Amino acid sequence: MKIARMNPYHGESKTTAFFDLETDEGIVIKGFTLVDGPKGLFVSVPQDKGKDDKYYERVLIPNDKKKQLNEMALKAYEEIEI
């Protein structure tokens, strides 16, 4: 997998960037965000708001792959912010 697009966001939000993920099979998943949380930057997967006003992830990623994705996204973000 690889980061297909990384767009920094400089608005009034904890979101610092939006990005897309391309799988090894060529499938592109849009709507990932890089968020500045209390423990630093982390990846947030695409979400939808349910009828109960709670947010639900649209993409489920195993913990080992999520850690790998987080590292890839942070590296890509650092490269464009330099």
N, C-alpha and C. Protein backbone atom coordinates (compact mmCIF):
# COMPACT_ATOMS: atom_id res chain seq x y z
N MET A 1 0.84 -1.18 0.00
CA MET A 1 0.00 0.00 0.00
C MET A 1 0.88 1.24 0.00
N LYS A 2 0.31 2.34 -0.49
CA LYS A 2 1.06 3.59 -0.54
C LYS A 2 0.09 4.77 -0.45
N ILE A 3 0.62 5.90 -0.08
CA ILE A 3 -0.16 7.13 -0.01
C ILE A 3 -0.31 7.64 -1.44
N ALA A 4 -1.55 7.77 -1.91
CA ALA A 4 -1.79 8.18 -3.29
C ALA A 4 -1.80 9.70 -3.44
N ARG A 5 -2.23 10.41 -2.40
CA ARG A 5 -2.34 11.87 -2.45
C ARG A 5 -2.29 12.36 -1.01
N MET A 6 -1.57 13.45 -0.77
CA MET A 6 -1.50 14.05 0.56
C MET A 6 -1.69 15.55 0.39
N ASN A 7 -2.78 16.08 0.92
CA ASN A 7 -3.07 17.51 0.83
C ASN A 7 -3.12 18.11 2.23
N PRO A 8 -2.18 19.01 2.55
CA PRO A 8 -2.22 19.65 3.86
C PRO A 8 -3.46 20.54 3.99
N TYR A 9 -3.93 20.67 5.22
CA TYR A 9 -5.09 21.51 5.51
C TYR A 9 -4.67 22.52 6.56
N HIS A 10 -4.86 23.80 6.28
CA HIS A 10 -4.41 24.86 7.18
C HIS A 10 -5.57 25.64 7.76
N GLY A 11 -6.68 24.97 8.00
CA GLY A 11 -7.86 25.64 8.55
C GLY A 11 -7.88 25.62 10.07
N GLU A 12 -9.00 26.03 10.62
CA GLU A 12 -9.22 26.08 12.06
C GLU A 12 -9.75 24.74 12.54
N SER A 13 -8.90 23.74 12.59
CA SER A 13 -9.33 22.39 12.94
C SER A 13 -8.13 21.59 13.42
N LYS A 14 -8.39 20.46 14.06
CA LYS A 14 -7.31 19.55 14.44
C LYS A 14 -6.82 18.74 13.24
N THR A 15 -7.58 18.75 12.16
CA THR A 15 -7.17 18.06 10.94
C THR A 15 -6.01 18.82 10.32
N THR A 16 -4.92 18.09 10.02
CA THR A 16 -3.75 18.73 9.42
C THR A 16 -3.58 18.38 7.94
N ALA A 17 -4.20 17.26 7.51
CA ALA A 17 -4.09 16.86 6.10
C ALA A 17 -5.17 15.85 5.74
N PHE A 18 -5.47 15.80 4.47
CA PHE A 18 -6.34 14.77 3.90
C PHE A 18 -5.50 13.93 2.96
N PHE A 19 -5.75 12.62 2.91
CA PHE A 19 -5.00 11.80 1.98
C PHE A 19 -5.79 10.59 1.53
N ASP A 20 -5.32 10.00 0.44
CA ASP A 20 -5.91 8.78 -0.12
C ASP A 20 -4.89 7.66 -0.01
N LEU A 21 -5.39 6.44 0.06
CA LEU A 21 -4.55 5.26 0.19
C LEU A 21 -4.76 4.37 -1.03
N GLU A 22 -3.67 3.91 -1.62
CA GLU A 22 -3.76 2.97 -2.75
C GLU A 22 -3.21 1.62 -2.28
N THR A 23 -4.02 0.58 -2.45
CA THR A 23 -3.61 -0.77 -2.05
C THR A 23 -2.67 -1.35 -3.11
N ASP A 24 -2.04 -2.46 -2.79
CA ASP A 24 -1.15 -3.13 -3.73
C ASP A 24 -1.90 -3.61 -4.97
N GLU A 25 -3.21 -3.79 -4.85
CA GLU A 25 -4.04 -4.23 -5.98
C GLU A 25 -4.51 -3.07 -6.85
N GLY A 26 -4.16 -1.82 -6.46
CA GLY A 26 -4.54 -0.65 -7.25
C GLY A 26 -5.85 -0.02 -6.83
N ILE A 27 -6.43 -0.47 -5.74
CA ILE A 27 -7.69 0.11 -5.24
C ILE A 27 -7.35 1.37 -4.44
N VAL A 28 -8.03 2.47 -4.76
CA VAL A 28 -7.80 3.73 -4.06
C VAL A 28 -8.95 3.98 -3.09
N ILE A 29 -8.60 4.20 -1.82
CA ILE A 29 -9.59 4.50 -0.79
C ILE A 29 -9.39 5.95 -0.40
N LYS A 30 -10.43 6.77 -0.60
CA LYS A 30 -10.35 8.21 -0.36
C LYS A 30 -10.93 8.57 1.00
N GLY A 31 -10.47 9.67 1.54
CA GLY A 31 -11.09 10.22 2.73
C GLY A 31 -10.38 10.01 4.04
N PHE A 32 -9.11 9.60 4.02
CA PHE A 32 -8.34 9.49 5.26
C PHE A 32 -7.93 10.90 5.70
N THR A 33 -7.78 11.09 7.00
CA THR A 33 -7.31 12.37 7.52
C THR A 33 -6.16 12.15 8.49
N LEU A 34 -5.32 13.14 8.58
CA LEU A 34 -4.24 13.16 9.56
C LEU A 34 -4.65 14.20 10.60
N VAL A 35 -4.77 13.76 11.85
CA VAL A 35 -5.32 14.59 12.91
C VAL A 35 -4.25 14.87 13.96
N ASP A 36 -4.24 16.10 14.47
CA ASP A 36 -3.32 16.49 15.54
C ASP A 36 -4.02 16.28 16.87
N GLY A 37 -3.75 15.15 17.51
CA GLY A 37 -4.37 14.82 18.78
C GLY A 37 -3.49 15.14 19.97
N PRO A 38 -3.93 14.83 21.18
CA PRO A 38 -3.17 15.13 22.38
C PRO A 38 -1.83 14.40 22.45
N LYS A 39 -1.71 13.26 21.76
CA LYS A 39 -0.46 12.49 21.77
C LYS A 39 0.30 12.63 20.46
N GLY A 40 -0.06 13.62 19.64
CA GLY A 40 0.61 13.83 18.36
C GLY A 40 -0.28 13.48 17.19
N LEU A 41 0.32 13.45 15.99
CA LEU A 41 -0.42 13.18 14.77
C LEU A 41 -0.80 11.70 14.67
N PHE A 42 -2.02 11.45 14.17
CA PHE A 42 -2.47 10.08 13.94
C PHE A 42 -3.43 10.05 12.76
N VAL A 43 -3.61 8.86 12.19
CA VAL A 43 -4.49 8.66 11.04
C VAL A 43 -5.90 8.39 11.52
N SER A 44 -6.86 9.04 10.89
CA SER A 44 -8.27 8.76 11.11
C SER A 44 -8.84 8.22 9.80
N VAL A 45 -9.49 7.07 9.86
CA VAL A 45 -10.04 6.46 8.66
C VAL A 45 -11.35 7.16 8.28
N PRO A 46 -11.80 7.00 7.03
CA PRO A 46 -13.06 7.61 6.62
C PRO A 46 -14.22 7.16 7.52
N GLN A 47 -15.09 8.10 7.85
CA GLN A 47 -16.20 7.82 8.76
C GLN A 47 -17.50 8.39 8.21
N ASP A 48 -18.60 7.80 8.64
CA ASP A 48 -19.94 8.30 8.36
C ASP A 48 -20.66 8.53 9.67
N LYS A 49 -21.52 9.55 9.69
CA LYS A 49 -22.31 9.82 10.88
C LYS A 49 -23.61 9.02 10.79
N GLY A 50 -23.88 8.25 11.84
CA GLY A 50 -25.08 7.43 11.87
C GLY A 50 -26.29 8.22 12.32
N LYS A 51 -27.45 7.59 12.27
CA LYS A 51 -28.69 8.24 12.70
C LYS A 51 -28.67 8.57 14.18
N ASP A 52 -27.81 7.88 14.93
CA ASP A 52 -27.69 8.13 16.36
C ASP A 52 -26.65 9.21 16.69
N ASP A 53 -26.20 9.94 15.67
CA ASP A 53 -25.21 11.02 15.78
C ASP A 53 -23.82 10.54 16.20
N LYS A 54 -23.57 9.25 16.14
CA LYS A 54 -22.24 8.72 16.39
C LYS A 54 -21.55 8.50 15.05
N TYR A 55 -20.21 8.52 15.07
CA TYR A 55 -19.44 8.30 13.85
C TYR A 55 -18.97 6.85 13.79
N TYR A 56 -19.05 6.27 12.59
CA TYR A 56 -18.67 4.88 12.36
C TYR A 56 -17.66 4.81 11.23
N GLU A 57 -16.59 4.03 11.44
CA GLU A 57 -15.56 3.86 10.43
C GLU A 57 -16.11 3.12 9.22
N ARG A 58 -15.79 3.62 8.03
CA ARG A 58 -16.20 2.96 6.79
C ARG A 58 -15.17 1.95 6.33
N VAL A 59 -13.95 2.06 6.83
CA VAL A 59 -12.86 1.16 6.44
C VAL A 59 -12.29 0.55 7.72
N LEU A 60 -12.31 -0.77 7.79
CA LEU A 60 -11.77 -1.46 8.95
C LEU A 60 -10.39 -2.00 8.60
N ILE A 61 -9.40 -1.62 9.39
CA ILE A 61 -8.00 -1.98 9.12
C ILE A 61 -7.44 -2.70 10.34
N PRO A 62 -6.78 -3.86 10.15
CA PRO A 62 -6.15 -4.55 11.28
C PRO A 62 -5.10 -3.65 11.95
N ASN A 63 -4.88 -3.84 13.24
CA ASN A 63 -3.97 -2.98 14.00
C ASN A 63 -2.57 -2.90 13.42
N ASP A 64 -2.02 -4.02 12.93
CA ASP A 64 -0.66 -3.98 12.38
C ASP A 64 -0.61 -3.14 11.11
N LYS A 65 -1.64 -3.23 10.28
CA LYS A 65 -1.69 -2.43 9.05
C LYS A 65 -1.97 -0.96 9.37
N LYS A 66 -2.76 -0.71 10.42
CA LYS A 66 -3.05 0.66 10.81
C LYS A 66 -1.79 1.35 11.31
N LYS A 67 -0.96 0.62 12.05
CA LYS A 67 0.31 1.17 12.53
C LYS A 67 1.22 1.49 11.34
N GLN A 68 1.27 0.57 10.36
CA GLN A 68 2.07 0.78 9.16
C GLN A 68 1.55 2.00 8.39
N LEU A 69 0.24 2.13 8.26
CA LEU A 69 -0.37 3.26 7.57
C LEU A 69 -0.04 4.56 8.29
N ASN A 70 -0.10 4.56 9.61
CA ASN A 70 0.20 5.75 10.39
C ASN A 70 1.64 6.21 10.13
N GLU A 71 2.58 5.28 10.12
CA GLU A 71 3.98 5.61 9.86
C GLU A 71 4.17 6.16 8.44
N MET A 72 3.50 5.54 7.46
CA MET A 72 3.60 6.00 6.07
C MET A 72 3.03 7.40 5.92
N ALA A 73 1.89 7.65 6.54
CA ALA A 73 1.23 8.95 6.43
C ALA A 73 2.07 10.05 7.08
N LEU A 74 2.63 9.76 8.24
CA LEU A 74 3.47 10.76 8.92
C LEU A 74 4.70 11.09 8.08
N LYS A 75 5.30 10.09 7.48
CA LYS A 75 6.47 10.31 6.63
C LYS A 75 6.10 11.16 5.41
N ALA A 76 4.99 10.82 4.75
CA ALA A 76 4.54 11.57 3.57
C ALA A 76 4.22 13.02 3.95
N TYR A 77 3.60 13.22 5.10
CA TYR A 77 3.25 14.56 5.56
C TYR A 77 4.50 15.38 5.84
N GLU A 78 5.48 14.77 6.49
CA GLU A 78 6.74 15.47 6.79
C GLU A 78 7.45 15.88 5.51
N GLU A 79 7.39 15.03 4.48
CA GLU A 79 8.06 15.34 3.22
C GLU A 79 7.44 16.54 2.52
N ILE A 80 6.12 16.69 2.59
CA ILE A 80 5.50 17.84 1.91
C ILE A 80 5.56 19.12 2.75
N GLU A 81 5.75 18.99 4.05
CA GLU A 81 5.81 20.16 4.93
C GLU A 81 7.21 20.74 5.05
N ILE A 82 8.21 20.08 4.51
CA ILE A 82 9.60 20.57 4.60
C ILE A 82 9.85 21.69 3.64
